[in-house]
Amino acid sequence: MNKRCLFWGLFMFAMNAGAQPRACDTVDAQMEEMVTTDQQIREESMLLDQKPDAPAAEKADLRQRWSTIDRDNLKQFKEIVGRCGWPTTRKYTHMAWLLAQHADSDPAFQRVARGLIEASVRKGIAAPRDLAYIADRIAANERRPQEYGTQFSQPDRCHLVLDPVDDRELVNRRRLAIGLTSLEAYEAEGRRRFIPADCSTAASERQHVEADGNNR
């Protein structure tokens, strides 16, 4: 999106927010509900991934519900931003970032959200790390190198792969500058959180078998 389109979008957001102030009274509660459903379905997915023998039908049902939740949240969130503008408190701008972070089906809106988050960071409201995460998300979706190394791909339940970065040393410097842990610590934490325990056990057993075979 070029700057002219972005500025026009921001102008329309501001106009709509000023025109319907009463309609924004319940926005905070709406955002909290959306974030709750967003996190619940992802937590449910993580728990299902812990079950190596989970039925395919159960996985398909979860994917369908996940898709529906993200689609409905995106539609509602875009309406909120269009009507009321971007949140002006740290708590709710962080919630807004989370919803925008998961708006992968609408790249144009995601880029607009990045601009709004960047403006919020300059005002001292949004956290710089939120801007780093959404910038990396957009870069990864566009097949460009990340600047902060925040995004992973998980080709299967037992493997987590860091999406490409421009330069690991520079990435670590940028991460340190905004209060993030090193890339190495982040990768280790990602494996701990998202790789089921039975994957590590299987890998250890495989290594043990291979070692025994080599010693024969």
N, C-alpha and C. Protein backbone atom coordinates (compact mmCIF):
# COMPACT_ATOMS: atom_id res chain seq x y z
N MET A 1 0.85 -1.20 0.00
CA MET A 1 0.00 0.00 0.00
C MET A 1 0.88 1.25 0.00
N ASN A 2 0.62 2.22 -0.91
CA ASN A 2 1.45 3.42 -0.93
C ASN A 2 1.01 4.38 0.17
N LYS A 3 1.84 5.42 0.41
CA LYS A 3 1.56 6.34 1.51
C LYS A 3 0.24 7.08 1.33
N ARG A 4 -0.09 7.40 0.08
CA ARG A 4 -1.33 8.13 -0.16
C ARG A 4 -2.53 7.31 0.30
N CYS A 5 -2.52 6.01 -0.05
CA CYS A 5 -3.62 5.14 0.38
C CYS A 5 -3.65 4.98 1.89
N LEU A 6 -2.45 4.87 2.50
CA LEU A 6 -2.39 4.72 3.94
C LEU A 6 -2.94 5.94 4.64
N PHE A 7 -2.52 7.14 4.19
CA PHE A 7 -3.00 8.36 4.84
C PHE A 7 -4.50 8.51 4.65
N TRP A 8 -5.01 8.13 3.48
CA TRP A 8 -6.45 8.22 3.25
C TRP A 8 -7.18 7.28 4.19
N GLY A 9 -6.62 6.08 4.38
CA GLY A 9 -7.24 5.14 5.30
C GLY A 9 -7.27 5.68 6.72
N LEU A 10 -6.16 6.28 7.16
CA LEU A 10 -6.12 6.85 8.51
C LEU A 10 -7.12 7.99 8.64
N PHE A 11 -7.25 8.80 7.59
CA PHE A 11 -8.21 9.91 7.62
C PHE A 11 -9.63 9.39 7.78
N MET A 12 -9.96 8.34 7.04
CA MET A 12 -11.30 7.76 7.13
C MET A 12 -11.54 7.16 8.50
N PHE A 13 -10.52 6.53 9.08
CA PHE A 13 -10.66 5.98 10.42
C PHE A 13 -11.01 7.10 11.40
N ALA A 14 -10.28 8.20 11.30
CA ALA A 14 -10.50 9.31 12.23
C ALA A 14 -11.88 9.92 12.04
N MET A 15 -12.30 10.06 10.80
CA MET A 15 -13.62 10.63 10.52
C MET A 15 -14.73 9.75 11.09
N ASN A 16 -14.61 8.45 10.90
CA ASN A 16 -15.62 7.54 11.40
C ASN A 16 -15.66 7.51 12.91
N ALA A 17 -14.49 7.57 13.53
CA ALA A 17 -14.44 7.56 14.98
C ALA A 17 -15.10 8.81 15.55
N GLY A 18 -14.89 9.97 14.89
CA GLY A 18 -15.49 11.20 15.38
C GLY A 18 -16.98 11.26 15.14
N ALA A 19 -17.42 10.59 14.09
CA ALA A 19 -18.83 10.67 13.73
C ALA A 19 -19.71 9.81 14.61
N GLN A 20 -19.14 8.72 15.21
CA GLN A 20 -19.97 7.82 15.99
C GLN A 20 -19.32 7.50 17.34
N PRO A 21 -19.15 8.51 18.21
CA PRO A 21 -18.47 8.27 19.47
C PRO A 21 -19.19 7.28 20.37
N ARG A 22 -20.52 7.30 20.39
CA ARG A 22 -21.25 6.41 21.28
C ARG A 22 -21.07 4.95 20.91
N ALA A 23 -20.91 4.68 19.63
CA ALA A 23 -20.77 3.31 19.16
C ALA A 23 -19.47 2.68 19.64
N CYS A 24 -18.58 3.46 20.21
CA CYS A 24 -17.28 2.95 20.65
C CYS A 24 -17.26 2.63 22.14
N ASP A 25 -18.36 2.80 22.82
CA ASP A 25 -18.39 2.58 24.27
C ASP A 25 -18.08 1.15 24.67
N THR A 26 -18.44 0.19 23.82
CA THR A 26 -18.28 -1.22 24.17
C THR A 26 -17.09 -1.88 23.49
N VAL A 27 -16.24 -1.07 22.88
CA VAL A 27 -15.12 -1.62 22.10
C VAL A 27 -14.18 -2.44 22.97
N ASP A 28 -13.86 -1.95 24.16
CA ASP A 28 -12.91 -2.66 25.02
C ASP A 28 -13.39 -4.07 25.32
N ALA A 29 -14.65 -4.21 25.67
CA ALA A 29 -15.20 -5.54 25.97
C ALA A 29 -15.20 -6.43 24.73
N GLN A 30 -15.49 -5.84 23.57
CA GLN A 30 -15.47 -6.61 22.32
C GLN A 30 -14.07 -7.14 22.03
N MET A 31 -13.07 -6.28 22.22
CA MET A 31 -11.70 -6.69 21.94
C MET A 31 -11.26 -7.78 22.91
N GLU A 32 -11.63 -7.65 24.17
CA GLU A 32 -11.26 -8.66 25.15
C GLU A 32 -11.87 -10.02 24.78
N GLU A 33 -13.10 -10.00 24.32
CA GLU A 33 -13.76 -11.25 23.93
C GLU A 33 -13.08 -11.86 22.71
N MET A 34 -12.71 -11.03 21.74
CA MET A 34 -12.04 -11.53 20.55
C MET A 34 -10.67 -12.13 20.89
N VAL A 35 -9.93 -11.44 21.75
CA VAL A 35 -8.61 -11.94 22.14
C VAL A 35 -8.76 -13.26 22.89
N THR A 36 -9.77 -13.37 23.72
CA THR A 36 -10.00 -14.61 24.47
C THR A 36 -10.24 -15.78 23.51
N THR A 37 -11.11 -15.59 22.52
CA THR A 37 -11.38 -16.67 21.58
C THR A 37 -10.15 -16.98 20.73
N ASP A 38 -9.41 -15.93 20.37
CA ASP A 38 -8.17 -16.10 19.60
C ASP A 38 -7.20 -17.00 20.35
N GLN A 39 -7.00 -16.74 21.63
CA GLN A 39 -6.03 -17.49 22.41
C GLN A 39 -6.53 -18.88 22.76
N GLN A 40 -7.82 -19.01 23.01
CA GLN A 40 -8.38 -20.31 23.38
C GLN A 40 -8.21 -21.33 22.27
N ILE A 41 -8.50 -20.94 21.02
CA ILE A 41 -8.41 -21.90 19.93
C ILE A 41 -6.95 -22.28 19.68
N ARG A 42 -6.03 -21.36 19.88
CA ARG A 42 -4.61 -21.68 19.69
C ARG A 42 -4.09 -22.56 20.83
N GLU A 43 -4.58 -22.34 22.02
CA GLU A 43 -4.20 -23.21 23.14
C GLU A 43 -4.77 -24.61 22.90
N GLU A 44 -5.98 -24.68 22.41
CA GLU A 44 -6.59 -25.97 22.10
C GLU A 44 -5.77 -26.71 21.03
N SER A 45 -5.27 -25.97 20.06
CA SER A 45 -4.45 -26.58 19.02
C SER A 45 -3.14 -27.13 19.60
N MET A 46 -2.53 -26.36 20.51
CA MET A 46 -1.29 -26.83 21.13
C MET A 46 -1.52 -28.12 21.92
N LEU A 47 -2.65 -28.18 22.63
CA LEU A 47 -2.95 -29.38 23.41
C LEU A 47 -3.21 -30.57 22.50
N LEU A 48 -3.88 -30.31 21.37
CA LEU A 48 -4.14 -31.41 20.42
C LEU A 48 -2.85 -31.92 19.81
N ASP A 49 -1.89 -31.01 19.60
CA ASP A 49 -0.61 -31.42 19.03
C ASP A 49 0.17 -32.33 19.98
N GLN A 50 -0.18 -32.29 21.26
CA GLN A 50 0.49 -33.16 22.22
C GLN A 50 0.04 -34.62 22.08
N LYS A 51 -1.04 -34.84 21.31
CA LYS A 51 -1.59 -36.18 21.14
C LYS A 51 -1.16 -36.73 19.77
N PRO A 52 -0.17 -37.59 19.75
CA PRO A 52 0.32 -38.10 18.46
C PRO A 52 -0.72 -38.91 17.69
N ASP A 53 -1.70 -39.47 18.42
CA ASP A 53 -2.70 -40.31 17.75
C ASP A 53 -4.06 -39.62 17.65
N ALA A 54 -4.06 -38.29 17.70
CA ALA A 54 -5.33 -37.55 17.59
C ALA A 54 -6.01 -37.86 16.27
N PRO A 55 -7.32 -38.14 16.28
CA PRO A 55 -8.03 -38.48 15.04
C PRO A 55 -7.98 -37.34 14.02
N ALA A 56 -7.90 -37.70 12.76
CA ALA A 56 -7.85 -36.70 11.70
C ALA A 56 -9.10 -35.83 11.69
N ALA A 57 -10.24 -36.42 12.03
CA ALA A 57 -11.49 -35.66 12.05
C ALA A 57 -11.46 -34.58 13.12
N GLU A 58 -10.83 -34.89 14.25
CA GLU A 58 -10.72 -33.91 15.34
C GLU A 58 -9.82 -32.75 14.91
N LYS A 59 -8.74 -33.08 14.22
CA LYS A 59 -7.84 -32.04 13.74
C LYS A 59 -8.53 -31.17 12.69
N ALA A 60 -9.28 -31.78 11.80
CA ALA A 60 -9.98 -31.03 10.76
C ALA A 60 -11.03 -30.11 11.36
N ASP A 61 -11.73 -30.60 12.39
CA ASP A 61 -12.74 -29.78 13.06
C ASP A 61 -12.09 -28.57 13.72
N LEU A 62 -10.94 -28.80 14.36
CA LEU A 62 -10.25 -27.68 15.01
C LEU A 62 -9.80 -26.66 13.98
N ARG A 63 -9.25 -27.12 12.86
CA ARG A 63 -8.81 -26.18 11.82
C ARG A 63 -9.97 -25.35 11.29
N GLN A 64 -11.12 -25.98 11.15
CA GLN A 64 -12.30 -25.26 10.66
C GLN A 64 -12.75 -24.21 11.68
N ARG A 65 -12.78 -24.58 12.94
CA ARG A 65 -13.19 -23.62 13.97
C ARG A 65 -12.18 -22.49 14.09
N TRP A 66 -10.90 -22.81 13.96
CA TRP A 66 -9.84 -21.80 14.01
C TRP A 66 -10.03 -20.80 12.87
N SER A 67 -10.26 -21.32 11.67
CA SER A 67 -10.46 -20.46 10.51
C SER A 67 -11.67 -19.54 10.70
N THR A 68 -12.74 -20.10 11.25
CA THR A 68 -13.96 -19.31 11.46
C THR A 68 -13.72 -18.21 12.49
N ILE A 69 -13.04 -18.55 13.57
CA ILE A 69 -12.76 -17.56 14.62
C ILE A 69 -11.90 -16.43 14.06
N ASP A 70 -10.84 -16.76 13.34
CA ASP A 70 -9.97 -15.71 12.79
C ASP A 70 -10.72 -14.84 11.78
N ARG A 71 -11.56 -15.47 10.96
CA ARG A 71 -12.33 -14.69 9.98
C ARG A 71 -13.32 -13.75 10.68
N ASP A 72 -14.03 -14.25 11.66
CA ASP A 72 -15.02 -13.42 12.36
C ASP A 72 -14.34 -12.32 13.17
N ASN A 73 -13.22 -12.67 13.81
CA ASN A 73 -12.48 -11.66 14.58
C ASN A 73 -11.97 -10.54 13.67
N LEU A 74 -11.44 -10.93 12.51
CA LEU A 74 -10.91 -9.93 11.59
C LEU A 74 -12.01 -8.98 11.12
N LYS A 75 -13.15 -9.54 10.75
CA LYS A 75 -14.26 -8.71 10.29
C LYS A 75 -14.69 -7.72 11.38
N GLN A 76 -14.84 -8.22 12.60
CA GLN A 76 -15.27 -7.37 13.70
C GLN A 76 -14.21 -6.33 14.05
N PHE A 77 -12.95 -6.75 14.03
CA PHE A 77 -11.86 -5.85 14.39
C PHE A 77 -11.72 -4.72 13.37
N LYS A 78 -11.83 -5.04 12.09
CA LYS A 78 -11.75 -4.00 11.06
C LYS A 78 -12.89 -2.99 11.23
N GLU A 79 -14.05 -3.48 11.58
CA GLU A 79 -15.17 -2.56 11.81
C GLU A 79 -14.88 -1.64 13.00
N ILE A 80 -14.28 -2.19 14.04
CA ILE A 80 -13.95 -1.40 15.23
C ILE A 80 -12.93 -0.32 14.88
N VAL A 81 -11.87 -0.70 14.17
CA VAL A 81 -10.83 0.27 13.81
C VAL A 81 -11.40 1.35 12.88
N GLY A 82 -12.23 0.91 11.94
CA GLY A 82 -12.82 1.87 11.02
C GLY A 82 -13.75 2.85 11.73
N ARG A 83 -14.44 2.38 12.77
CA ARG A 83 -15.42 3.21 13.47
C ARG A 83 -14.78 4.04 14.58
N CYS A 84 -13.80 3.46 15.26
CA CYS A 84 -13.29 4.08 16.49
C CYS A 84 -11.80 4.42 16.46
N GLY A 85 -11.09 4.01 15.41
CA GLY A 85 -9.66 4.27 15.36
C GLY A 85 -8.88 3.25 16.17
N TRP A 86 -7.58 3.44 16.21
CA TRP A 86 -6.69 2.53 16.94
C TRP A 86 -6.75 2.84 18.43
N PRO A 87 -6.67 1.82 19.28
CA PRO A 87 -6.70 2.08 20.75
C PRO A 87 -5.60 3.03 21.19
N THR A 88 -5.85 3.71 22.27
CA THR A 88 -4.91 4.73 22.76
C THR A 88 -4.33 4.39 24.12
N THR A 89 -4.53 3.16 24.59
CA THR A 89 -3.89 2.73 25.84
C THR A 89 -3.01 1.53 25.54
N ARG A 90 -2.00 1.32 26.37
CA ARG A 90 -1.06 0.22 26.13
C ARG A 90 -1.76 -1.14 26.15
N LYS A 91 -2.68 -1.33 27.09
CA LYS A 91 -3.37 -2.62 27.20
C LYS A 91 -4.12 -2.95 25.91
N TYR A 92 -4.88 -2.00 25.42
CA TYR A 92 -5.73 -2.30 24.27
C TYR A 92 -5.01 -2.18 22.94
N THR A 93 -3.95 -1.40 22.90
CA THR A 93 -3.17 -1.40 21.65
C THR A 93 -2.42 -2.72 21.52
N HIS A 94 -2.07 -3.34 22.66
CA HIS A 94 -1.44 -4.66 22.60
C HIS A 94 -2.45 -5.70 22.12
N MET A 95 -3.68 -5.60 22.59
CA MET A 95 -4.72 -6.50 22.11
C MET A 95 -4.96 -6.30 20.61
N ALA A 96 -4.96 -5.05 20.20
CA ALA A 96 -5.16 -4.74 18.78
C ALA A 96 -4.03 -5.33 17.95
N TRP A 97 -2.81 -5.21 18.46
CA TRP A 97 -1.67 -5.82 17.76
C TRP A 97 -1.88 -7.32 17.58
N LEU A 98 -2.33 -8.01 18.63
CA LEU A 98 -2.52 -9.46 18.55
C LEU A 98 -3.52 -9.81 17.45
N LEU A 99 -4.61 -9.09 17.39
CA LEU A 99 -5.63 -9.37 16.38
C LEU A 99 -5.10 -9.07 14.97
N ALA A 100 -4.33 -8.00 14.85
CA ALA A 100 -3.73 -7.67 13.55
C ALA A 100 -2.66 -8.70 13.17
N GLN A 101 -1.94 -9.19 14.16
CA GLN A 101 -0.90 -10.18 13.92
C GLN A 101 -1.48 -11.45 13.28
N HIS A 102 -2.71 -11.75 13.62
CA HIS A 102 -3.35 -12.97 13.12
C HIS A 102 -4.28 -12.69 11.93
N ALA A 103 -4.14 -11.52 11.33
CA ALA A 103 -4.99 -11.15 10.19
C ALA A 103 -4.29 -11.48 8.87
N ASP A 104 -3.70 -12.68 8.80
CA ASP A 104 -2.91 -13.05 7.62
C ASP A 104 -3.74 -13.11 6.35
N SER A 105 -5.04 -13.31 6.47
CA SER A 105 -5.88 -13.40 5.27
C SER A 105 -6.12 -12.05 4.61
N ASP A 106 -5.71 -10.96 5.26
CA ASP A 106 -5.91 -9.62 4.72
C ASP A 106 -4.60 -8.83 4.81
N PRO A 107 -3.65 -9.10 3.90
CA PRO A 107 -2.34 -8.44 3.97
C PRO A 107 -2.42 -6.92 3.93
N ALA A 108 -3.37 -6.37 3.17
CA ALA A 108 -3.47 -4.92 3.07
C ALA A 108 -3.83 -4.31 4.43
N PHE A 109 -4.77 -4.92 5.11
CA PHE A 109 -5.14 -4.43 6.44
C PHE A 109 -3.98 -4.61 7.42
N GLN A 110 -3.27 -5.71 7.30
CA GLN A 110 -2.14 -5.96 8.19
C GLN A 110 -1.08 -4.87 8.03
N ARG A 111 -0.86 -4.43 6.80
CA ARG A 111 0.12 -3.35 6.58
C ARG A 111 -0.38 -2.02 7.15
N VAL A 112 -1.69 -1.76 7.03
CA VAL A 112 -2.25 -0.56 7.64
C VAL A 112 -2.07 -0.63 9.16
N ALA A 113 -2.33 -1.81 9.74
CA ALA A 113 -2.17 -1.98 11.18
C ALA A 113 -0.73 -1.73 11.60
N ARG A 114 0.21 -2.18 10.78
CA ARG A 114 1.62 -1.93 11.11
C ARG A 114 1.88 -0.42 11.19
N GLY A 115 1.36 0.34 10.25
CA GLY A 115 1.55 1.79 10.29
C GLY A 115 0.93 2.41 11.54
N LEU A 116 -0.23 1.90 11.95
CA LEU A 116 -0.89 2.42 13.15
C LEU A 116 -0.10 2.06 14.40
N ILE A 117 0.44 0.86 14.43
CA ILE A 117 1.26 0.45 15.57
C ILE A 117 2.54 1.29 15.63
N GLU A 118 3.14 1.53 14.48
CA GLU A 118 4.35 2.35 14.43
C GLU A 118 4.07 3.75 14.98
N ALA A 119 2.93 4.33 14.60
CA ALA A 119 2.56 5.65 15.11
C ALA A 119 2.35 5.59 16.62
N SER A 120 1.75 4.49 17.10
CA SER A 120 1.52 4.33 18.53
C SER A 120 2.83 4.18 19.29
N VAL A 121 3.81 3.51 18.69
CA VAL A 121 5.13 3.39 19.32
C VAL A 121 5.77 4.76 19.46
N ARG A 122 5.67 5.58 18.40
CA ARG A 122 6.26 6.92 18.45
C ARG A 122 5.63 7.78 19.55
N LYS A 123 4.37 7.50 19.86
CA LYS A 123 3.69 8.24 20.93
C LYS A 123 4.00 7.68 22.32
N GLY A 124 4.76 6.60 22.35
CA GLY A 124 5.11 5.99 23.63
C GLY A 124 4.02 5.11 24.20
N ILE A 125 3.08 4.66 23.38
CA ILE A 125 1.97 3.83 23.85
C ILE A 125 2.25 2.35 23.56
N ALA A 126 2.34 2.00 22.30
CA ALA A 126 2.58 0.61 21.92
C ALA A 126 4.02 0.21 22.23
N ALA A 127 4.22 -1.06 22.49
CA ALA A 127 5.56 -1.58 22.76
C ALA A 127 6.31 -1.81 21.45
N PRO A 128 7.59 -1.42 21.39
CA PRO A 128 8.37 -1.65 20.17
C PRO A 128 8.39 -3.10 19.74
N ARG A 129 8.31 -4.02 20.69
CA ARG A 129 8.34 -5.43 20.31
C ARG A 129 7.09 -5.82 19.51
N ASP A 130 5.96 -5.16 19.78
CA ASP A 130 4.76 -5.44 18.98
C ASP A 130 4.98 -5.04 17.53
N LEU A 131 5.63 -3.92 17.33
CA LEU A 131 5.95 -3.48 15.97
C LEU A 131 6.91 -4.46 15.31
N ALA A 132 7.88 -4.96 16.08
CA ALA A 132 8.84 -5.93 15.53
C ALA A 132 8.13 -7.20 15.09
N TYR A 133 7.20 -7.67 15.90
CA TYR A 133 6.50 -8.92 15.58
C TYR A 133 5.65 -8.78 14.32
N ILE A 134 4.91 -7.69 14.21
CA ILE A 134 4.04 -7.58 13.02
C ILE A 134 4.86 -7.27 11.77
N ALA A 135 5.96 -6.55 11.93
CA ALA A 135 6.84 -6.30 10.77
C ALA A 135 7.42 -7.62 10.26
N ASP A 136 7.85 -8.48 11.19
CA ASP A 136 8.38 -9.78 10.80
C ASP A 136 7.28 -10.66 10.20
N ARG A 137 6.09 -10.58 10.75
CA ARG A 137 4.98 -11.39 10.24
C ARG A 137 4.70 -11.04 8.78
N ILE A 138 4.65 -9.76 8.50
CA ILE A 138 4.40 -9.32 7.12
C ILE A 138 5.55 -9.75 6.22
N ALA A 139 6.78 -9.59 6.69
CA ALA A 139 7.95 -9.99 5.90
C ALA A 139 7.92 -11.49 5.60
N ALA A 140 7.62 -12.29 6.61
CA ALA A 140 7.58 -13.75 6.41
C ALA A 140 6.48 -14.13 5.42
N ASN A 141 5.31 -13.48 5.54
CA ASN A 141 4.21 -13.78 4.62
C ASN A 141 4.55 -13.38 3.18
N GLU A 142 5.40 -12.36 3.05
CA GLU A 142 5.81 -11.89 1.73
C GLU A 142 7.11 -12.54 1.25
N ARG A 143 7.56 -13.56 2.00
CA ARG A 143 8.78 -14.30 1.66
C ARG A 143 10.01 -13.40 1.66
N ARG A 144 10.04 -12.44 2.59
CA ARG A 144 11.21 -11.59 2.76
C ARG A 144 11.89 -11.94 4.08
N PRO A 145 13.20 -11.65 4.22
CA PRO A 145 13.89 -11.95 5.47
C PRO A 145 13.34 -11.10 6.63
N GLN A 146 13.28 -11.71 7.80
CA GLN A 146 12.86 -10.98 9.01
C GLN A 146 14.00 -10.12 9.54
N GLU A 147 13.63 -9.09 10.26
CA GLU A 147 14.63 -8.23 10.91
C GLU A 147 14.83 -8.59 12.38
N TYR A 148 13.83 -9.25 12.98
CA TYR A 148 13.90 -9.56 14.42
C TYR A 148 13.80 -11.07 14.71
N GLY A 149 13.54 -11.87 13.72
CA GLY A 149 13.53 -13.31 13.92
C GLY A 149 12.43 -13.80 14.85
N THR A 150 11.24 -13.23 14.73
CA THR A 150 10.16 -13.61 15.65
C THR A 150 9.26 -14.71 15.10
N GLN A 151 9.36 -15.02 13.81
CA GLN A 151 8.40 -15.92 13.18
C GLN A 151 9.01 -17.28 12.83
N PHE A 152 8.27 -18.32 13.18
CA PHE A 152 8.65 -19.68 12.88
C PHE A 152 7.63 -20.33 11.95
N SER A 153 8.04 -21.37 11.30
CA SER A 153 7.12 -22.27 10.60
C SER A 153 7.22 -23.63 11.28
N GLN A 154 6.10 -24.37 11.30
CA GLN A 154 6.11 -25.70 11.89
C GLN A 154 5.59 -26.69 10.85
N PRO A 155 6.50 -27.27 10.06
CA PRO A 155 6.08 -28.18 8.99
C PRO A 155 5.38 -29.43 9.49
N ASP A 156 5.69 -29.85 10.72
CA ASP A 156 5.00 -30.96 11.36
C ASP A 156 5.12 -30.78 12.87
N ARG A 157 4.48 -31.63 13.63
CA ARG A 157 4.40 -31.44 15.08
C ARG A 157 5.75 -31.55 15.77
N CYS A 158 6.74 -32.15 15.13
CA CYS A 158 8.03 -32.38 15.78
C CYS A 158 9.15 -31.45 15.30
N HIS A 159 8.83 -30.52 14.42
CA HIS A 159 9.87 -29.64 13.90
C HIS A 159 9.41 -28.18 13.89
N LEU A 160 10.29 -27.31 14.34
CA LEU A 160 10.04 -25.87 14.35
C LEU A 160 11.20 -25.21 13.61
N VAL A 161 10.88 -24.44 12.59
CA VAL A 161 11.92 -23.85 11.73
C VAL A 161 11.81 -22.33 11.75
N LEU A 162 12.90 -21.68 12.10
CA LEU A 162 12.92 -20.21 12.07
C LEU A 162 12.82 -19.74 10.63
N ASP A 163 11.85 -18.86 10.35
CA ASP A 163 11.76 -18.29 9.01
C ASP A 163 13.01 -17.45 8.73
N PRO A 164 13.41 -17.32 7.47
CA PRO A 164 14.68 -16.66 7.14
C PRO A 164 14.82 -15.26 7.75
N VAL A 165 16.04 -14.94 8.18
CA VAL A 165 16.38 -13.62 8.70
C VAL A 165 17.46 -13.02 7.82
N ASP A 166 17.65 -11.71 7.92
CA ASP A 166 18.65 -11.08 7.05
C ASP A 166 20.07 -11.37 7.51
N ASP A 167 20.31 -11.30 8.84
CA ASP A 167 21.64 -11.54 9.39
C ASP A 167 21.49 -11.81 10.88
N ARG A 168 21.92 -12.97 11.34
CA ARG A 168 21.68 -13.35 12.74
C ARG A 168 22.33 -12.38 13.73
N GLU A 169 23.51 -11.91 13.42
CA GLU A 169 24.18 -10.97 14.33
C GLU A 169 23.40 -9.66 14.43
N LEU A 170 22.95 -9.15 13.28
CA LEU A 170 22.17 -7.92 13.29
C LEU A 170 20.82 -8.14 13.97
N VAL A 171 20.23 -9.31 13.75
CA VAL A 171 18.96 -9.63 14.39
C VAL A 171 19.11 -9.58 15.91
N ASN A 172 20.17 -10.17 16.42
CA ASN A 172 20.38 -10.17 17.87
C ASN A 172 20.58 -8.75 18.41
N ARG A 173 21.26 -7.90 17.65
CA ARG A 173 21.43 -6.51 18.08
C ARG A 173 20.09 -5.79 18.13
N ARG A 174 19.27 -6.00 17.11
CA ARG A 174 17.95 -5.36 17.09
C ARG A 174 17.08 -5.87 18.23
N ARG A 175 17.14 -7.18 18.47
CA ARG A 175 16.34 -7.76 19.55
C ARG A 175 16.75 -7.17 20.89
N LEU A 176 18.04 -7.09 21.13
CA LEU A 176 18.54 -6.54 22.38
C LEU A 176 18.09 -5.09 22.56
N ALA A 177 18.06 -4.34 21.47
CA ALA A 177 17.71 -2.91 21.54
C ALA A 177 16.26 -2.69 21.98
N ILE A 178 15.38 -3.68 21.75
CA ILE A 178 13.98 -3.50 22.15
C ILE A 178 13.58 -4.44 23.29
N GLY A 179 14.58 -5.01 23.95
CA GLY A 179 14.30 -5.79 25.15
C GLY A 179 13.91 -7.23 24.92
N LEU A 180 14.20 -7.78 23.74
CA LEU A 180 13.92 -9.19 23.47
C LEU A 180 15.14 -10.04 23.80
N THR A 181 14.92 -11.31 24.11
CA THR A 181 16.03 -12.22 24.38
C THR A 181 16.79 -12.50 23.08
N SER A 182 17.92 -13.15 23.21
CA SER A 182 18.71 -13.50 22.03
C SER A 182 17.92 -14.44 21.14
N LEU A 183 18.31 -14.48 19.89
CA LEU A 183 17.66 -15.37 18.93
C LEU A 183 17.83 -16.82 19.36
N GLU A 184 18.99 -17.16 19.91
CA GLU A 184 19.24 -18.52 20.35
C GLU A 184 18.33 -18.92 21.50
N ALA A 185 18.15 -18.01 22.45
CA ALA A 185 17.26 -18.29 23.59
C ALA A 185 15.81 -18.38 23.12
N TYR A 186 15.45 -17.55 22.17
CA TYR A 186 14.09 -17.55 21.64
C TYR A 186 13.78 -18.85 20.90
N GLU A 187 14.75 -19.33 20.12
CA GLU A 187 14.58 -20.60 19.42
C GLU A 187 14.40 -21.74 20.41
N ALA A 188 15.21 -21.73 21.47
CA ALA A 188 15.11 -22.79 22.47
C ALA A 188 13.76 -22.75 23.17
N GLU A 189 13.28 -21.57 23.48
CA GLU A 189 11.97 -21.42 24.12
C GLU A 189 10.86 -21.88 23.18
N GLY A 190 10.98 -21.57 21.90
CA GLY A 190 10.00 -22.01 20.92
C GLY A 190 9.92 -23.53 20.85
N ARG A 191 11.08 -24.18 20.86
CA ARG A 191 11.08 -25.65 20.83
C ARG A 191 10.46 -26.21 22.10
N ARG A 192 10.75 -25.58 23.22
CA ARG A 192 10.19 -26.06 24.49
C ARG A 192 8.67 -25.94 24.51
N ARG A 193 8.15 -24.85 23.97
CA ARG A 193 6.72 -24.60 24.04
C ARG A 193 5.92 -25.35 22.99
N PHE A 194 6.47 -25.49 21.79
CA PHE A 194 5.66 -25.98 20.67
C PHE A 194 6.00 -27.38 20.18
N ILE A 195 7.11 -27.94 20.64
CA ILE A 195 7.45 -29.30 20.23
C ILE A 195 7.03 -30.26 21.34
N PRO A 196 6.11 -31.19 21.06
CA PRO A 196 5.64 -32.12 22.09
C PRO A 196 6.78 -32.94 22.68
N ALA A 197 6.62 -33.35 23.93
CA ALA A 197 7.67 -34.09 24.64
C ALA A 197 7.99 -35.41 23.97
N ASP A 198 6.99 -36.07 23.38
CA ASP A 198 7.26 -37.37 22.76
C ASP A 198 8.16 -37.25 21.55
N CYS A 199 8.23 -36.08 20.93
CA CYS A 199 9.14 -35.88 19.80
C CYS A 199 10.59 -35.95 20.27
N SER A 200 10.87 -35.32 21.40
CA SER A 200 12.22 -35.35 21.96
C SER A 200 12.59 -36.75 22.37
N THR A 201 11.64 -37.48 22.95
CA THR A 201 11.89 -38.85 23.37
C THR A 201 12.21 -39.73 22.16
N ALA A 202 11.41 -39.55 21.11
CA ALA A 202 11.63 -40.34 19.90
C ALA A 202 12.99 -40.04 19.29
N ALA A 203 13.36 -38.74 19.29
CA ALA A 203 14.65 -38.35 18.73
C ALA A 203 15.79 -38.95 19.54
N SER A 204 15.65 -38.93 20.89
CA SER A 204 16.69 -39.48 21.75
C SER A 204 16.83 -40.98 21.54
N GLU A 205 15.68 -41.68 21.42
CA GLU A 205 15.71 -43.12 21.20
C GLU A 205 16.36 -43.43 19.86
N ARG A 206 16.05 -42.63 18.83
CA ARG A 206 16.61 -42.86 17.51
C ARG A 206 18.14 -42.68 17.54
N GLN A 207 18.59 -41.62 18.25
CA GLN A 207 20.02 -41.38 18.35
C GLN A 207 20.71 -42.53 19.09
N HIS A 208 20.02 -43.06 20.12
CA HIS A 208 20.59 -44.15 20.90
C HIS A 208 20.73 -45.41 20.03
N VAL A 209 19.70 -45.70 19.24
CA VAL A 209 19.73 -46.85 18.35
C VAL A 209 20.84 -46.70 17.33
N GLU A 210 20.95 -45.49 16.76
CA GLU A 210 21.99 -45.25 15.75
C GLU A 210 23.38 -45.42 16.36
N ALA A 211 23.54 -44.93 17.62
CA ALA A 211 24.83 -45.05 18.29
C ALA A 211 25.16 -46.52 18.53
N ASP A 212 24.16 -47.31 18.97
CA ASP A 212 24.38 -48.73 19.20
C ASP A 212 24.78 -49.43 17.89
N GLY A 213 24.11 -49.05 16.81
CA GLY A 213 24.41 -49.66 15.53
C GLY A 213 25.83 -49.36 15.09
N ASN A 214 26.27 -48.13 15.37
CA ASN A 214 27.62 -47.75 14.97
C ASN A 214 28.68 -48.43 15.81
N ASN A 215 28.31 -48.88 17.03
CA ASN A 215 29.28 -49.51 17.93
C ASN A 215 29.39 -51.02 17.68
N ARG A 216 28.53 -51.56 16.84
CA ARG A 216 28.57 -52.99 16.59
C ARG A 216 29.69 -53.34 15.60
